[in-house]
Amino acid sequence: MRKLRGNVFIDFLKDNLIALIFFVVIAVVFVVGVNSASGSSAEEELRVAEQSVRRAMISCYAVEGFYPASYEYLRDNYNVKIDEDKYIVDYEVFATNIMPQITIIEVKQ
């Protein structure tokens, strides 16, 4: 006796249900892992940017005897490279002998 076309699909699903469930679980785990990794890499990039500004600022103080008056001074004289399309550098100076406050903010696009 010949099976109906609709029953063939249902039989296929029944026969391969465990494989399909396994595939879906693996796909979900993969997507969650990729999202987690991209979030971690963005946080690391922000941390490295802040650390490079801080190191240049300390180098300036050690070499010249004062903290730079602006972020632009660090960028021009101490080769600090930050993607300024992606980040905003907030550099607040209180006095030349007190370490400035640095805040690097990611620009949401």
Protein backbone atom coordinates (compact mmCIF):
# COMPACT_ATOMS: atom_id res chain seq x y z
CA MET A 1 0.00 0.00 0.00
CA ARG A 2 1.26 3.44 -0.88
CA LYS A 3 1.67 6.18 1.80
CA LEU A 4 0.28 9.63 1.33
CA ARG A 5 2.74 12.43 0.66
CA GLY A 6 1.92 14.17 3.97
CA ASN A 7 2.70 11.03 5.96
CA VAL A 8 6.19 10.76 4.43
CA PHE A 9 7.17 14.11 5.93
CA ILE A 10 5.74 13.19 9.35
CA ASP A 11 7.56 9.85 9.25
CA PHE A 12 10.78 11.63 8.34
CA LEU A 13 10.37 13.98 11.33
CA LYS A 14 9.65 11.08 13.68
CA ASP A 15 12.68 9.14 12.46
CA ASN A 16 15.05 12.12 12.72
CA LEU A 17 13.60 13.98 15.73
CA ILE A 18 16.64 13.46 17.97
CA ALA A 19 19.02 14.62 15.23
CA LEU A 20 16.90 17.72 14.59
CA ILE A 21 16.75 18.59 18.30
CA PHE A 22 20.52 18.09 18.58
CA PHE A 23 21.09 20.37 15.56
CA VAL A 24 18.88 23.13 17.03
CA VAL A 25 20.65 22.94 20.41
CA ILE A 26 24.08 23.15 18.75
CA ALA A 27 22.94 26.12 16.62
CA VAL A 28 21.64 27.99 19.70
CA VAL A 29 24.86 27.33 21.65
CA PHE A 30 26.90 28.59 18.68
CA VAL A 31 24.89 31.82 18.35
CA VAL A 32 25.10 32.52 22.10
CA GLY A 33 28.86 31.90 22.04
CA VAL A 34 29.45 34.25 19.13
CA ASN A 35 27.42 37.01 20.80
CA SER A 36 29.32 36.56 24.05
CA ALA A 37 32.69 36.67 22.30
CA SER A 38 31.87 39.84 20.38
CA GLY A 39 30.76 41.56 23.62
CA SER A 40 33.99 40.54 25.36
CA SER A 41 36.11 41.80 22.48
CA ALA A 42 34.38 45.21 22.52
CA GLU A 43 35.01 45.54 26.27
CA GLU A 44 38.65 44.56 25.77
CA GLU A 45 39.09 47.11 22.98
CA LEU A 46 37.69 49.85 25.23
CA ARG A 47 40.00 48.80 28.08
CA VAL A 48 43.06 48.84 25.78
CA ALA A 49 42.15 52.31 24.47
CA GLU A 50 41.89 53.70 27.99
CA GLN A 51 45.12 52.00 29.02
CA SER A 52 47.02 53.48 26.05
CA VAL A 53 45.89 57.02 26.94
CA ARG A 54 46.84 56.45 30.59
CA ARG A 55 50.31 55.12 29.68
CA ALA A 56 50.99 58.04 27.35
CA MET A 57 49.84 60.46 30.05
CA ILE A 58 52.22 58.89 32.60
CA SER A 59 55.07 58.89 30.05
CA CYS A 60 54.49 62.58 29.42
CA TYR A 61 54.63 63.28 33.16
CA ALA A 62 57.86 61.27 33.52
CA VAL A 63 59.57 62.91 30.54
CA GLU A 64 58.28 66.49 30.69
CA GLY A 65 57.41 66.89 34.38
CA PHE A 66 53.72 67.70 33.91
CA TYR A 67 50.56 66.01 32.75
CA PRO A 68 49.43 67.09 29.28
CA ALA A 69 46.80 69.79 29.05
CA SER A 70 44.73 67.93 26.46
CA TYR A 71 44.16 64.60 24.79
CA GLU A 72 45.21 66.19 21.49
CA TYR A 73 48.69 66.84 22.94
CA LEU A 74 49.00 63.14 23.77
CA ARG A 75 47.73 62.13 20.36
CA ASP A 76 50.14 64.43 18.53
CA ASN A 77 53.28 63.97 20.68
CA TYR A 78 52.98 60.49 22.18
CA ASN A 79 51.51 58.57 19.24
CA VAL A 80 48.24 57.61 20.94
CA LYS A 81 45.97 56.06 18.33
CA ILE A 82 42.31 55.65 19.19
CA ASP A 83 39.54 55.21 16.64
CA GLU A 84 37.86 58.57 17.15
CA ASP A 85 34.94 57.56 14.95
CA LYS A 86 34.18 54.77 17.41
CA TYR A 87 35.18 56.38 20.74
CA ILE A 88 34.95 59.76 22.43
CA VAL A 89 37.82 60.62 24.78
CA ASP A 90 36.82 62.81 27.74
CA TYR A 91 40.00 64.25 29.23
CA GLU A 92 39.52 66.48 32.28
CA VAL A 93 42.49 68.38 33.70
CA PHE A 94 42.47 69.83 37.22
CA ALA A 95 46.14 70.88 37.46
CA THR A 96 49.36 70.00 35.66
CA ASN A 97 50.69 68.07 38.67
CA ILE A 98 47.49 66.03 39.28
CA MET A 99 46.62 63.11 37.02
CA PRO A 100 43.73 64.04 34.70
CA GLN A 101 40.50 62.06 34.67
CA ILE A 102 40.11 59.94 31.54
CA THR A 103 36.81 58.57 30.32
CA ILE A 104 36.49 56.80 26.98
CA ILE A 105 32.95 56.37 25.73
CA GLU A 106 31.89 54.17 22.85
CA VAL A 107 29.82 55.96 20.22
CA LYS A 108 26.69 53.97 19.42
CA GLN A 109 26.07 53.79 15.69
